[in-house]
Amino acid sequence: MVDLQVDVTKKGIWKYWRHLPAVNEKFWLSLDEGNTPEVTIDGIIFKREDLNPTGSLKDRGLAYQVSQAYSEGHKNLVISSSGNAAISAAAYCQLAKINLFAFVPKNINLEKLEKIKELDGLIMISDRPVSDSIKFAKEKGFKNLRPSVDPLGTEGYKTIAFEIFKEFGKIDDIFLPVSSATCLVGIAKGFRVLGFLPRIHACQSTKIFNIAGEFDKDFRKTKTSLATALVAKITPKKEEAIKIIRESGGWGWVVGDGKERDKRNKRDKGIKEAMEWLEERGLETSAEGALGLAAIWKAKSKGWKLGKTVCLLTGRKYEKR
């Protein structure tokens, strides 16, 4: 077991700088991300990542990535995003006076789009944001922040594991919504630093289930999902994530929107029921975070004996517009 070293004189993820790859301190960027509160309800520890400065856990990863790029002298950065990552990247680029070119889909939530603009992000609306951002970055010679291919994209997420351990010691299970799986890999790295690996449960929707669907077969595929931030149909981290899940003894869970499905099939509660449950208890969060809670319910319905359990509420709730 590694002695967790916390430097309380530093801000944000940099409290744990001793456990992160070195970046010159004069280039550290922080919005005081991390140190998010935990709320325990009905035996579940909810980690409030939706209360990060820009409203999502992406702040941890981008705080590290943009700082590293800043230290290397980059003046222009590129990212592809459904919204949250671009908002976060724009906020840190604004601190460093770096230009951010954000490739986003046409159906991006308008509130998220406005937030990127407010933070001086340069919007590039695209039918194929990932491939177009890669092409653009290559042509211009700009660094692409796409976390799933950046070797340093996982680093900031290690601090989630550090904070959980600092408050609760060893945990048994952690449920987290998964898109590119960058956060999952980063959290696993953090726990490995600490000398253990809890059971890691990847939670995905009935629309996107490229990782969780390797484990959970009990669902009906749908064309839409309330969890609109989980968009990565293909991720370079798929095999690594599956290996981590299996090594940890965890599982993958595929969750539907709920209610409408219940009229046809009475087995599982979904995202809608989980959102209502959370809001009744004062936790207004995104559909993705609610998906994690619905996955816990599904696990229990399948006979899983969960121990000390953490559910990541990964982002704030945006109204549909």
C-alpha atoms as a PDB file:
ATOM      1  CA  MET A   1       0.000   0.000   0.000  1.00  0.00           C
ATOM      2  CA  VAL A   2       1.463   3.338  -1.120  1.00  0.00           C
ATOM      3  CA  ASP A   3       1.368   6.241   1.306  1.00  0.00           C
ATOM      4  CA  LEU A   4      -0.988   8.765  -0.296  1.00  0.00           C
ATOM      5  CA  GLN A   5       0.740  12.135  -0.286  1.00  0.00           C
ATOM      6  CA  VAL A   6      -1.501  15.201  -0.324  1.00  0.00           C
ATOM      7  CA  ASP A   7      -0.015  18.687  -0.652  1.00  0.00           C
ATOM      8  CA  VAL A   8      -2.719  20.871   0.908  1.00  0.00           C
ATOM      9  CA  THR A   9      -0.865  24.036  -0.142  1.00  0.00           C
ATOM     10  CA  LYS A  10      -1.781  23.355  -3.797  1.00  0.00           C
ATOM     11  CA  LYS A  11      -5.059  23.727  -5.684  1.00  0.00           C
ATOM     12  CA  GLY A  12      -7.192  21.186  -7.493  1.00  0.00           C
ATOM     13  CA  ILE A  13      -5.641  18.033  -8.875  1.00  0.00           C
ATOM     14  CA  TRP A  14      -2.197  19.436  -8.061  1.00  0.00           C
ATOM     15  CA  LYS A  15      -2.709  18.499  -4.410  1.00  0.00           C
ATOM     16  CA  TYR A  16      -1.647  15.076  -5.668  1.00  0.00           C
ATOM     17  CA  TRP A  17       1.241  16.240  -7.858  1.00  0.00           C
ATOM     18  CA  ARG A  18       3.582  13.708  -6.283  1.00  0.00           C
ATOM     19  CA  HIS A  19       1.482  10.916  -7.833  1.00  0.00           C
ATOM     20  CA  LEU A  20       1.191  12.519 -11.298  1.00  0.00           C
ATOM     21  CA  PRO A  21       3.744  12.696 -14.135  1.00  0.00           C
ATOM     22  CA  ALA A  22       5.821  15.812 -13.594  1.00  0.00           C
ATOM     23  CA  VAL A  23       4.757  19.173 -15.041  1.00  0.00           C
ATOM     24  CA  ASN A  24       6.695  22.326 -14.195  1.00  0.00           C
ATOM     25  CA  GLU A  25       4.735  24.046 -11.428  1.00  0.00           C
ATOM     26  CA  LYS A  26       4.682  27.414 -13.189  1.00  0.00           C
ATOM     27  CA  PHE A  27       2.457  25.842 -15.852  1.00  0.00           C
ATOM     28  CA  TRP A  28      -0.080  24.283 -13.471  1.00  0.00           C
ATOM     29  CA  LEU A  29      -3.594  25.392 -14.397  1.00  0.00           C
ATOM     30  CA  SER A  30      -6.433  25.013 -11.923  1.00  0.00           C
ATOM     31  CA  LEU A  31     -10.013  26.106 -11.409  1.00  0.00           C
ATOM     32  CA  ASP A  32      -9.912  24.362  -8.014  1.00  0.00           C
ATOM     33  CA  GLU A  33     -11.287  21.232  -9.631  1.00  0.00           C
ATOM     34  CA  GLY A  34     -11.668  18.047  -7.651  1.00  0.00           C
ATOM     35  CA  ASN A  35     -12.197  17.726  -3.913  1.00  0.00           C
ATOM     36  CA  THR A  36     -15.834  17.085  -4.807  1.00  0.00           C
ATOM     37  CA  PRO A  37     -18.235  16.176  -2.008  1.00  0.00           C
ATOM     38  CA  GLU A  38     -19.604  12.720  -1.324  1.00  0.00           C
ATOM     39  CA  VAL A  39     -23.133  12.014  -0.175  1.00  0.00           C
ATOM     40  CA  THR A  40     -24.124   8.636   1.262  1.00  0.00           C
ATOM     41  CA  ILE A  41     -27.756   7.599   0.745  1.00  0.00           C
ATOM     42  CA  ASP A  42     -29.150   4.103   1.329  1.00  0.00           C
ATOM     43  CA  GLY A  43     -25.616   2.762   1.666  1.00  0.00           C
ATOM     44  CA  ILE A  44     -24.438   4.154  -1.699  1.00  0.00           C
ATOM     45  CA  ILE A  45     -21.641   6.751  -1.771  1.00  0.00           C
ATOM     46  CA  PHE A  46     -22.439   9.305  -4.468  1.00  0.00           C
ATOM     47  CA  LYS A  47     -19.322  11.136  -5.666  1.00  0.00           C
ATOM     48  CA  ARG A  48     -20.504  14.569  -6.855  1.00  0.00           C
ATOM     49  CA  GLU A  49     -18.328  15.101  -9.923  1.00  0.00           C
ATOM     50  CA  ASP A  50     -21.148  17.243 -11.300  1.00  0.00           C
ATOM     51  CA  LEU A  51     -20.003  19.909  -8.826  1.00  0.00           C
ATOM     52  CA  ASN A  52     -16.645  20.418 -10.510  1.00  0.00           C
ATOM     53  CA  PRO A  53     -16.041  24.016 -11.703  1.00  0.00           C
ATOM     54  CA  THR A  54     -17.395  23.541 -15.245  1.00  0.00           C
ATOM     55  CA  GLY A  55     -19.915  20.912 -14.197  1.00  0.00           C
ATOM     56  CA  SER A  56     -18.255  17.597 -14.991  1.00  0.00           C
ATOM     57  CA  LEU A  57     -15.443  15.231 -14.094  1.00  0.00           C
ATOM     58  CA  LYS A  58     -13.765  16.272 -17.370  1.00  0.00           C
ATOM     59  CA  ASP A  59     -12.150  19.117 -15.402  1.00  0.00           C
ATOM     60  CA  ARG A  60      -9.742  16.665 -13.789  1.00  0.00           C
ATOM     61  CA  GLY A  61      -8.488  15.219 -17.057  1.00  0.00           C
ATOM     62  CA  LEU A  62      -8.335  18.519 -18.927  1.00  0.00           C
ATOM     63  CA  ALA A  63      -6.641  20.373 -16.063  1.00  0.00           C
ATOM     64  CA  TYR A  64      -3.725  17.979 -16.465  1.00  0.00           C
ATOM     65  CA  GLN A  65      -3.760  17.740 -20.268  1.00  0.00           C
ATOM     66  CA  VAL A  66      -3.939  21.487 -20.925  1.00  0.00           C
ATOM     67  CA  SER A  67      -1.276  22.187 -18.285  1.00  0.00           C
ATOM     68  CA  GLN A  68       1.037  19.699 -19.965  1.00  0.00           C
ATOM     69  CA  ALA A  69       0.370  21.242 -23.384  1.00  0.00           C
ATOM     70  CA  TYR A  70       0.921  24.720 -21.916  1.00  0.00           C
ATOM     71  CA  SER A  71       4.288  23.610 -20.517  1.00  0.00           C
ATOM     72  CA  GLU A  72       5.268  22.458 -24.019  1.00  0.00           C
ATOM     73  CA  GLY A  73       4.483  25.862 -25.500  1.00  0.00           C
ATOM     74  CA  HIS A  74       1.365  25.007 -27.481  1.00  0.00           C
ATOM     75  CA  LYS A  75      -0.691  28.029 -28.571  1.00  0.00           C
ATOM     76  CA  ASN A  76      -3.461  26.110 -30.351  1.00  0.00           C
ATOM     77  CA  LEU A  77      -5.249  22.967 -29.209  1.00  0.00           C
ATOM     78  CA  VAL A  78      -7.978  20.811 -30.733  1.00  0.00           C
ATOM     79  CA  ILE A  79     -10.666  18.643 -29.171  1.00  0.00           C
ATOM     80  CA  SER A  80     -13.708  16.674 -30.338  1.00  0.00           C
ATOM     81  CA  SER A  81     -16.563  16.513 -27.854  1.00  0.00           C
ATOM     82  CA  SER A  82     -20.283  16.058 -27.336  1.00  0.00           C
ATOM     83  CA  GLY A  83     -20.068  19.059 -24.991  1.00  0.00           C
ATOM     84  CA  ASN A  84     -18.630  18.519 -21.524  1.00  0.00           C
ATOM     85  CA  ALA A  85     -15.008  17.964 -22.531  1.00  0.00           C
ATOM     86  CA  ALA A  86     -15.038  20.993 -24.823  1.00  0.00           C
ATOM     87  CA  ILE A  87     -16.449  23.185 -22.046  1.00  0.00           C
ATOM     88  CA  SER A  88     -13.747  22.022 -19.680  1.00  0.00           C
ATOM     89  CA  ALA A  89     -10.940  22.340 -22.239  1.00  0.00           C
ATOM     90  CA  ALA A  90     -12.104  25.853 -23.163  1.00  0.00           C
ATOM     91  CA  ALA A  91     -12.017  26.927 -19.505  1.00  0.00           C
ATOM     92  CA  TYR A  92      -8.425  25.774 -18.994  1.00  0.00           C
ATOM     93  CA  CYS A  93      -7.292  27.094 -22.378  1.00  0.00           C
ATOM     94  CA  GLN A  94      -8.770  30.462 -21.427  1.00  0.00           C
ATOM     95  CA  LEU A  95      -6.603  30.499 -18.289  1.00  0.00           C
ATOM     96  CA  ALA A  96      -3.493  29.888 -20.396  1.00  0.00           C
ATOM     97  CA  LYS A  97      -4.563  32.135 -23.309  1.00  0.00           C
ATOM     98  CA  ILE A  98      -4.475  29.161 -25.663  1.00  0.00           C
ATOM     99  CA  ASN A  99      -6.786  28.931 -28.683  1.00  0.00           C
ATOM    100  CA  LEU A 100      -9.125  25.937 -28.535  1.00  0.00           C
ATOM    101  CA  PHE A 101     -10.755  24.555 -31.673  1.00  0.00           C
ATOM    102  CA  ALA A 102     -13.734  22.498 -30.473  1.00  0.00           C
ATOM    103  CA  PHE A 103     -15.269  20.067 -32.956  1.00  0.00           C
ATOM    104  CA  VAL A 104     -18.831  19.332 -31.848  1.00  0.00           C
ATOM    105  CA  PRO A 105     -21.822  17.498 -33.386  1.00  0.00           C
ATOM    106  CA  LYS A 106     -24.750  19.294 -35.002  1.00  0.00           C
ATOM    107  CA  ASN A 107     -27.114  18.039 -32.309  1.00  0.00           C
ATOM    108  CA  ILE A 108     -25.044  19.388 -29.398  1.00  0.00           C
ATOM    109  CA  ASN A 109     -27.091  20.698 -26.476  1.00  0.00           C
ATOM    110  CA  LEU A 110     -27.484  24.434 -27.106  1.00  0.00           C
ATOM    111  CA  GLU A 111     -26.753  25.339 -23.497  1.00  0.00           C
ATOM    112  CA  LYS A 112     -23.444  23.512 -23.775  1.00  0.00           C
ATOM    113  CA  LEU A 113     -22.711  25.234 -27.075  1.00  0.00           C
ATOM    114  CA  GLU A 114     -23.268  28.661 -25.535  1.00  0.00           C
ATOM    115  CA  LYS A 115     -20.991  27.793 -22.634  1.00  0.00           C
ATOM    116  CA  ILE A 116     -18.156  26.857 -24.987  1.00  0.00           C
ATOM    117  CA  LYS A 117     -18.587  30.193 -26.761  1.00  0.00           C
ATOM    118  CA  GLU A 118     -18.604  32.098 -23.468  1.00  0.00           C
ATOM    119  CA  LEU A 119     -15.239  30.516 -22.669  1.00  0.00           C
ATOM    120  CA  ASP A 120     -13.795  31.681 -26.013  1.00  0.00           C
ATOM    121  CA  GLY A 121     -13.799  28.232 -27.590  1.00  0.00           C
ATOM    122  CA  LEU A 122     -13.696  28.300 -31.388  1.00  0.00           C
ATOM    123  CA  ILE A 123     -16.683  26.202 -32.484  1.00  0.00           C
ATOM    124  CA  MET A 124     -16.341  23.795 -35.407  1.00  0.00           C
ATOM    125  CA  ILE A 125     -19.714  22.097 -36.002  1.00  0.00           C
ATOM    126  CA  SER A 126     -19.264  18.801 -37.800  1.00  0.00           C
ATOM    127  CA  ASP A 127     -21.062  15.660 -38.954  1.00  0.00           C
ATOM    128  CA  ARG A 128     -17.922  13.723 -37.954  1.00  0.00           C
ATOM    129  CA  PRO A 129     -16.305  15.623 -35.099  1.00  0.00           C
ATOM    130  CA  VAL A 130     -13.736  12.966 -34.181  1.00  0.00           C
ATOM    131  CA  SER A 131     -12.356  12.321 -37.671  1.00  0.00           C
ATOM    132  CA  ASP A 132     -12.590  15.983 -38.697  1.00  0.00           C
ATOM    133  CA  SER A 133     -10.717  17.089 -35.580  1.00  0.00           C
ATOM    134  CA  ILE A 134      -7.950  14.565 -36.257  1.00  0.00           C
ATOM    135  CA  LYS A 135      -7.622  15.758 -39.856  1.00  0.00           C
ATOM    136  CA  PHE A 136      -7.665  19.432 -38.839  1.00  0.00           C
ATOM    137  CA  ALA A 137      -5.034  18.969 -36.114  1.00  0.00           C
ATOM    138  CA  LYS A 138      -2.753  17.073 -38.476  1.00  0.00           C
ATOM    139  CA  GLU A 139      -3.078  19.663 -41.258  1.00  0.00           C
ATOM    140  CA  LYS A 140      -2.456  22.594 -38.916  1.00  0.00           C
ATOM    141  CA  GLY A 141       0.188  20.930 -36.784  1.00  0.00           C
ATOM    142  CA  PHE A 142      -1.896  21.504 -33.628  1.00  0.00           C
ATOM    143  CA  LYS A 143      -1.994  19.163 -30.638  1.00  0.00           C
ATOM    144  CA  ASN A 144      -5.193  17.117 -30.366  1.00  0.00           C
ATOM    145  CA  LEU A 145      -6.461  16.735 -26.800  1.00  0.00           C
ATOM    146  CA  ARG A 146      -8.621  13.714 -27.582  1.00  0.00           C
ATOM    147  CA  PRO A 147      -8.206  11.937 -24.215  1.00  0.00           C
ATOM    148  CA  SER A 148      -8.611   8.383 -25.488  1.00  0.00           C
ATOM    149  CA  VAL A 149      -5.485   8.665 -27.658  1.00  0.00           C
ATOM    150  CA  ASP A 150      -3.421  11.072 -25.551  1.00  0.00           C
ATOM    151  CA  PRO A 151      -1.094   8.995 -23.324  1.00  0.00           C
ATOM    152  CA  LEU A 152      -1.639  11.600 -20.585  1.00  0.00           C
ATOM    153  CA  GLY A 153      -5.425  11.742 -20.983  1.00  0.00           C
ATOM    154  CA  THR A 154      -6.015   9.406 -18.032  1.00  0.00           C
ATOM    155  CA  GLU A 155      -3.747  11.110 -15.499  1.00  0.00           C
ATOM    156  CA  GLY A 156      -6.065  13.684 -13.931  1.00  0.00           C
ATOM    157  CA  TYR A 157      -8.718  11.037 -13.292  1.00  0.00           C
ATOM    158  CA  LYS A 158      -6.403   9.189 -10.918  1.00  0.00           C
ATOM    159  CA  THR A 159      -7.286  11.863  -8.359  1.00  0.00           C
ATOM    160  CA  ILE A 160     -10.858  10.514  -8.123  1.00  0.00           C
ATOM    161  CA  ALA A 161      -9.453   7.279  -6.690  1.00  0.00           C
ATOM    162  CA  PHE A 162      -7.178   9.247  -4.346  1.00  0.00           C
ATOM    163  CA  GLU A 163     -10.059  11.307  -2.953  1.00  0.00           C
ATOM    164  CA  ILE A 164     -12.317   8.293  -2.457  1.00  0.00           C
ATOM    165  CA  PHE A 165      -9.552   6.443  -0.614  1.00  0.00           C
ATOM    166  CA  LYS A 166      -8.730   9.490   1.503  1.00  0.00           C
ATOM    167  CA  GLU A 167     -12.333   9.707   2.722  1.00  0.00           C
ATOM    168  CA  PHE A 168     -13.427   6.058   2.849  1.00  0.00           C
ATOM    169  CA  GLY A 169     -10.372   3.843   2.716  1.00  0.00           C
ATOM    170  CA  LYS A 170     -10.735   0.714   0.632  1.00  0.00           C
ATOM    171  CA  ILE A 171     -14.001   0.414  -1.287  1.00  0.00           C
ATOM    172  CA  ASP A 172     -15.453  -2.729  -2.830  1.00  0.00           C
ATOM    173  CA  ASP A 173     -17.363  -1.532  -5.905  1.00  0.00           C
ATOM    174  CA  ILE A 174     -17.418   1.561  -8.123  1.00  0.00           C
ATOM    175  CA  PHE A 175     -20.017   2.237 -10.822  1.00  0.00           C
ATOM    176  CA  LEU A 176     -19.234   4.791 -13.508  1.00  0.00           C
ATOM    177  CA  PRO A 177     -20.800   5.831 -16.803  1.00  0.00           C
ATOM    178  CA  VAL A 178     -18.469   5.023 -19.695  1.00  0.00           C
ATOM    179  CA  SER A 179     -17.998   6.606 -23.114  1.00  0.00           C
ATOM    180  CA  SER A 180     -14.365   6.528 -24.305  1.00  0.00           C
ATOM    181  CA  ALA A 181     -13.337   4.706 -21.059  1.00  0.00           C
ATOM    182  CA  THR A 182     -10.554   7.245 -20.413  1.00  0.00           C
ATOM    183  CA  CYS A 183     -11.897   7.998 -16.938  1.00  0.00           C
ATOM    184  CA  LEU A 184     -12.287   4.291 -16.140  1.00  0.00           C
ATOM    185  CA  VAL A 185      -8.666   3.605 -17.061  1.00  0.00           C
ATOM    186  CA  GLY A 186      -7.495   6.638 -15.087  1.00  0.00           C
ATOM    187  CA  ILE A 187      -9.432   5.671 -11.960  1.00  0.00           C
ATOM    188  CA  ALA A 188      -7.998   2.141 -12.166  1.00  0.00           C
ATOM    189  CA  LYS A 189      -4.491   3.633 -12.407  1.00  0.00           C
ATOM    190  CA  GLY A 190      -5.213   5.668  -9.302  1.00  0.00           C
ATOM    191  CA  PHE A 191      -6.348   2.666  -7.299  1.00  0.00           C
ATOM    192  CA  ARG A 192      -3.301   0.714  -8.466  1.00  0.00           C
ATOM    193  CA  VAL A 193      -1.087   3.470  -7.086  1.00  0.00           C
ATOM    194  CA  LEU A 194      -2.840   2.809  -3.784  1.00  0.00           C
ATOM    195  CA  GLY A 195      -2.174  -0.914  -4.043  1.00  0.00           C
ATOM    196  CA  PHE A 196      -5.646  -2.324  -4.694  1.00  0.00           C
ATOM    197  CA  LEU A 197      -8.390  -2.478  -7.301  1.00  0.00           C
ATOM    198  CA  PRO A 198     -12.081  -2.420  -6.367  1.00  0.00           C
ATOM    199  CA  ARG A 199     -14.620  -4.114  -8.588  1.00  0.00           C
ATOM    200  CA  ILE A 200     -15.098  -1.700 -11.482  1.00  0.00           C
ATOM    201  CA  HIS A 201     -18.506  -1.598 -13.162  1.00  0.00           C
ATOM    202  CA  ALA A 202     -18.813   0.065 -16.579  1.00  0.00           C
ATOM    203  CA  CYS A 203     -22.270   1.547 -17.131  1.00  0.00           C
ATOM    204  CA  GLN A 204     -23.567   2.258 -20.633  1.00  0.00           C
ATOM    205  CA  SER A 205     -26.859   2.880 -22.392  1.00  0.00           C
ATOM    206  CA  THR A 206     -28.982   0.681 -24.631  1.00  0.00           C
ATOM    207  CA  LYS A 207     -27.832   2.922 -27.510  1.00  0.00           C
ATOM    208  CA  ILE A 208     -24.074   2.787 -26.849  1.00  0.00           C
ATOM    209  CA  PHE A 209     -22.812  -0.416 -25.198  1.00  0.00           C
ATOM    210  CA  ASN A 210     -19.548  -1.337 -26.895  1.00  0.00           C
ATOM    211  CA  ILE A 211     -17.866  -2.120 -23.549  1.00  0.00           C
ATOM    212  CA  ALA A 212     -20.674  -2.988 -21.121  1.00  0.00           C
ATOM    213  CA  GLY A 213     -22.319  -5.149 -23.796  1.00  0.00           C
ATOM    214  CA  GLU A 214     -19.357  -7.527 -23.569  1.00  0.00           C
ATOM    215  CA  PHE A 215     -20.707  -8.492 -20.141  1.00  0.00           C
ATOM    216  CA  ASP A 216     -24.414  -7.671 -19.933  1.00  0.00           C
ATOM    217  CA  LYS A 217     -26.633  -9.338 -22.540  1.00  0.00           C
ATOM    218  CA  ASP A 218     -29.981  -8.677 -20.880  1.00  0.00           C
ATOM    219  CA  PHE A 219     -31.255  -5.580 -22.701  1.00  0.00           C
ATOM    220  CA  ARG A 220     -32.939  -4.353 -25.857  1.00  0.00           C
ATOM    221  CA  LYS A 221     -30.959  -2.100 -28.165  1.00  0.00           C
ATOM    222  CA  THR A 222     -32.504   1.332 -28.746  1.00  0.00           C
ATOM    223  CA  LYS A 223     -31.884   4.108 -31.267  1.00  0.00           C
ATOM    224  CA  THR A 224     -31.908   6.840 -28.620  1.00  0.00           C
ATOM    225  CA  SER A 225     -30.914   7.347 -24.986  1.00  0.00           C
ATOM    226  CA  LEU A 226     -31.265  10.059 -22.374  1.00  0.00           C
ATOM    227  CA  ALA A 227     -27.538   9.590 -21.693  1.00  0.00           C
ATOM    228  CA  THR A 228     -26.543  11.817 -24.610  1.00  0.00           C
ATOM    229  CA  ALA A 229     -22.992  12.433 -23.337  1.00  0.00           C
ATOM    230  CA  LEU A 230     -22.097   8.756 -23.829  1.00  0.00           C
ATOM    231  CA  VAL A 231     -21.330   8.884 -27.539  1.00  0.00           C
ATOM    232  CA  ALA A 232     -18.144   6.886 -28.220  1.00  0.00           C
ATOM    233  CA  LYS A 233     -19.190   3.920 -30.349  1.00  0.00           C
ATOM    234  CA  ILE A 234     -15.536   3.122 -30.957  1.00  0.00           C
ATOM    235  CA  THR A 235     -12.734   3.771 -28.474  1.00  0.00           C
ATOM    236  CA  PRO A 236      -9.046   2.854 -28.583  1.00  0.00           C
ATOM    237  CA  LYS A 237      -9.307   2.028 -24.874  1.00  0.00           C
ATOM    238  CA  LYS A 238     -11.942  -0.695 -25.267  1.00  0.00           C
ATOM    239  CA  GLU A 239      -9.671  -3.714 -24.801  1.00  0.00           C
ATOM    240  CA  GLU A 240      -7.766  -2.073 -21.951  1.00  0.00           C
ATOM    241  CA  ALA A 241     -11.026  -1.211 -20.191  1.00  0.00           C
ATOM    242  CA  ILE A 242     -12.412  -4.737 -20.589  1.00  0.00           C
ATOM    243  CA  LYS A 243      -9.179  -6.191 -19.229  1.00  0.00           C
ATOM    244  CA  ILE A 244      -9.362  -3.889 -16.180  1.00  0.00           C
ATOM    245  CA  ILE A 245     -12.995  -4.765 -15.504  1.00  0.00           C
ATOM    246  CA  ARG A 246     -12.267  -8.487 -15.659  1.00  0.00           C
ATOM    247  CA  GLU A 247      -9.140  -8.197 -13.537  1.00  0.00           C
ATOM    248  CA  SER A 248     -11.089  -6.259 -10.893  1.00  0.00           C
ATOM    249  CA  GLY A 249     -13.899  -8.801 -10.779  1.00  0.00           C
ATOM    250  CA  GLY A 250     -16.368  -6.135 -11.878  1.00  0.00           C
ATOM    251  CA  TRP A 251     -18.925  -6.152 -14.667  1.00  0.00           C
ATOM    252  CA  GLY A 252     -20.574  -4.121 -17.396  1.00  0.00           C
ATOM    253  CA  TRP A 253     -24.187  -2.950 -17.170  1.00  0.00           C
ATOM    254  CA  VAL A 254     -26.435  -1.764 -20.001  1.00  0.00           C
ATOM    255  CA  VAL A 255     -29.315   0.447 -18.879  1.00  0.00           C
ATOM    256  CA  GLY A 256     -32.331   1.817 -20.724  1.00  0.00           C
ATOM    257  CA  ASP A 257     -34.271   5.021 -20.245  1.00  0.00           C
ATOM    258  CA  GLY A 258     -36.929   3.210 -18.219  1.00  0.00           C
ATOM    259  CA  LYS A 259     -40.700   3.618 -17.859  1.00  0.00           C
ATOM    260  CA  GLU A 260     -41.515   3.154 -21.557  1.00  0.00           C
ATOM    261  CA  ARG A 261     -39.592  -0.112 -21.506  1.00  0.00           C
ATOM    262  CA  ASP A 262     -41.246  -1.107 -18.250  1.00  0.00           C
ATOM    263  CA  LYS A 263     -44.640  -1.223 -19.958  1.00  0.00           C
ATOM    264  CA  ARG A 264     -43.281  -4.025 -22.145  1.00  0.00           C
ATOM    265  CA  ASN A 265     -40.914  -5.604 -19.670  1.00  0.00           C
ATOM    266  CA  LYS A 266     -41.273  -5.257 -15.911  1.00  0.00           C
ATOM    267  CA  ARG A 267     -37.750  -6.356 -14.981  1.00  0.00           C
ATOM    268  CA  ASP A 268     -35.578  -3.254 -14.729  1.00  0.00           C
ATOM    269  CA  LYS A 269     -35.833   0.354 -13.631  1.00  0.00           C
ATOM    270  CA  GLY A 270     -33.968   2.781 -15.838  1.00  0.00           C
ATOM    271  CA  ILE A 271     -32.523   6.280 -16.105  1.00  0.00           C
ATOM    272  CA  LYS A 272     -35.841   8.095 -15.605  1.00  0.00           C
ATOM    273  CA  GLU A 273     -36.604   6.329 -12.334  1.00  0.00           C
ATOM    274  CA  ALA A 274     -33.046   6.917 -11.133  1.00  0.00           C
ATOM    275  CA  MET A 275     -33.219  10.635 -11.967  1.00  0.00           C
ATOM    276  CA  GLU A 276     -36.473  10.953 -10.062  1.00  0.00           C
ATOM    277  CA  TRP A 277     -35.027   9.052  -7.088  1.00  0.00           C
ATOM    278  CA  LEU A 278     -31.967  11.303  -6.984  1.00  0.00           C
ATOM    279  CA  GLU A 279     -33.954  14.529  -7.366  1.00  0.00           C
ATOM    280  CA  GLU A 280     -36.291  13.509  -4.545  1.00  0.00           C
ATOM    281  CA  ARG A 281     -33.183  13.334  -2.368  1.00  0.00           C
ATOM    282  CA  GLY A 282     -31.797  16.679  -3.498  1.00  0.00           C
ATOM    283  CA  LEU A 283     -29.319  15.396  -6.095  1.00  0.00           C
ATOM    284  CA  GLU A 284     -30.070  16.990  -9.454  1.00  0.00           C
ATOM    285  CA  THR A 285     -27.571  15.555 -11.909  1.00  0.00           C
ATOM    286  CA  SER A 286     -27.175  14.379 -15.483  1.00  0.00           C
ATOM    287  CA  ALA A 287     -28.813  11.365 -17.074  1.00  0.00           C
ATOM    288  CA  GLU A 288     -25.384   9.727 -17.192  1.00  0.00           C
ATOM    289  CA  GLY A 289     -24.995   9.865 -13.412  1.00  0.00           C
ATOM    290  CA  ALA A 290     -28.517   8.505 -12.995  1.00  0.00           C
ATOM    291  CA  LEU A 291     -27.571   5.682 -15.356  1.00  0.00           C
ATOM    292  CA  GLY A 292     -24.919   4.659 -12.825  1.00  0.00           C
ATOM    293  CA  LEU A 293     -27.521   4.386 -10.086  1.00  0.00           C
ATOM    294  CA  ALA A 294     -29.846   2.393 -12.347  1.00  0.00           C
ATOM    295  CA  ALA A 295     -26.919   0.050 -13.017  1.00  0.00           C
ATOM    296  CA  ILE A 296     -26.516  -0.498  -9.266  1.00  0.00           C
ATOM    297  CA  TRP A 297     -30.191  -1.412  -9.069  1.00  0.00           C
ATOM    298  CA  LYS A 298     -29.789  -3.795 -12.002  1.00  0.00           C
ATOM    299  CA  ALA A 299     -26.733  -5.422 -10.400  1.00  0.00           C
ATOM    300  CA  LYS A 300     -28.657  -6.007  -7.193  1.00  0.00           C
ATOM    301  CA  SER A 301     -31.607  -7.426  -9.123  1.00  0.00           C
ATOM    302  CA  LYS A 302     -29.217  -9.901 -10.723  1.00  0.00           C
ATOM    303  CA  GLY A 303     -28.037 -11.106  -7.318  1.00  0.00           C
ATOM    304  CA  TRP A 304     -24.781  -9.164  -6.971  1.00  0.00           C
ATOM    305  CA  LYS A 305     -23.715  -8.763  -3.353  1.00  0.00           C
ATOM    306  CA  LEU A 306     -22.212  -5.294  -3.424  1.00  0.00           C
ATOM    307  CA  GLY A 307     -19.959  -4.055  -0.651  1.00  0.00           C
ATOM    308  CA  LYS A 308     -18.890  -0.473   0.053  1.00  0.00           C
ATOM    309  CA  THR A 309     -20.150   1.058  -3.190  1.00  0.00           C
ATOM    310  CA  VAL A 310     -19.393   4.344  -4.972  1.00  0.00           C
ATOM    311  CA  CYS A 311     -21.533   5.772  -7.783  1.00  0.00           C
ATOM    312  CA  LEU A 312     -19.989   8.575  -9.847  1.00  0.00           C
ATOM    313  CA  LEU A 313     -22.349  11.422 -10.698  1.00  0.00           C
ATOM    314  CA  THR A 314     -20.263  12.516 -13.646  1.00  0.00           C
ATOM    315  CA  GLY A 315     -21.885  15.738 -14.851  1.00  0.00           C
ATOM    316  CA  ARG A 316     -24.423  18.446 -14.189  1.00  0.00           C
ATOM    317  CA  LYS A 317     -27.903  18.414 -15.654  1.00  0.00           C
ATOM    318  CA  TYR A 318     -28.461  20.519 -18.771  1.00  0.00           C
ATOM    319  CA  GLU A 319     -31.950  21.382 -19.869  1.00  0.00           C
ATOM    320  CA  LYS A 320     -33.047  20.230 -23.321  1.00  0.00           C
ATOM    321  CA  ARG A 321     -33.091  23.089 -25.808  1.00  0.00           C
END
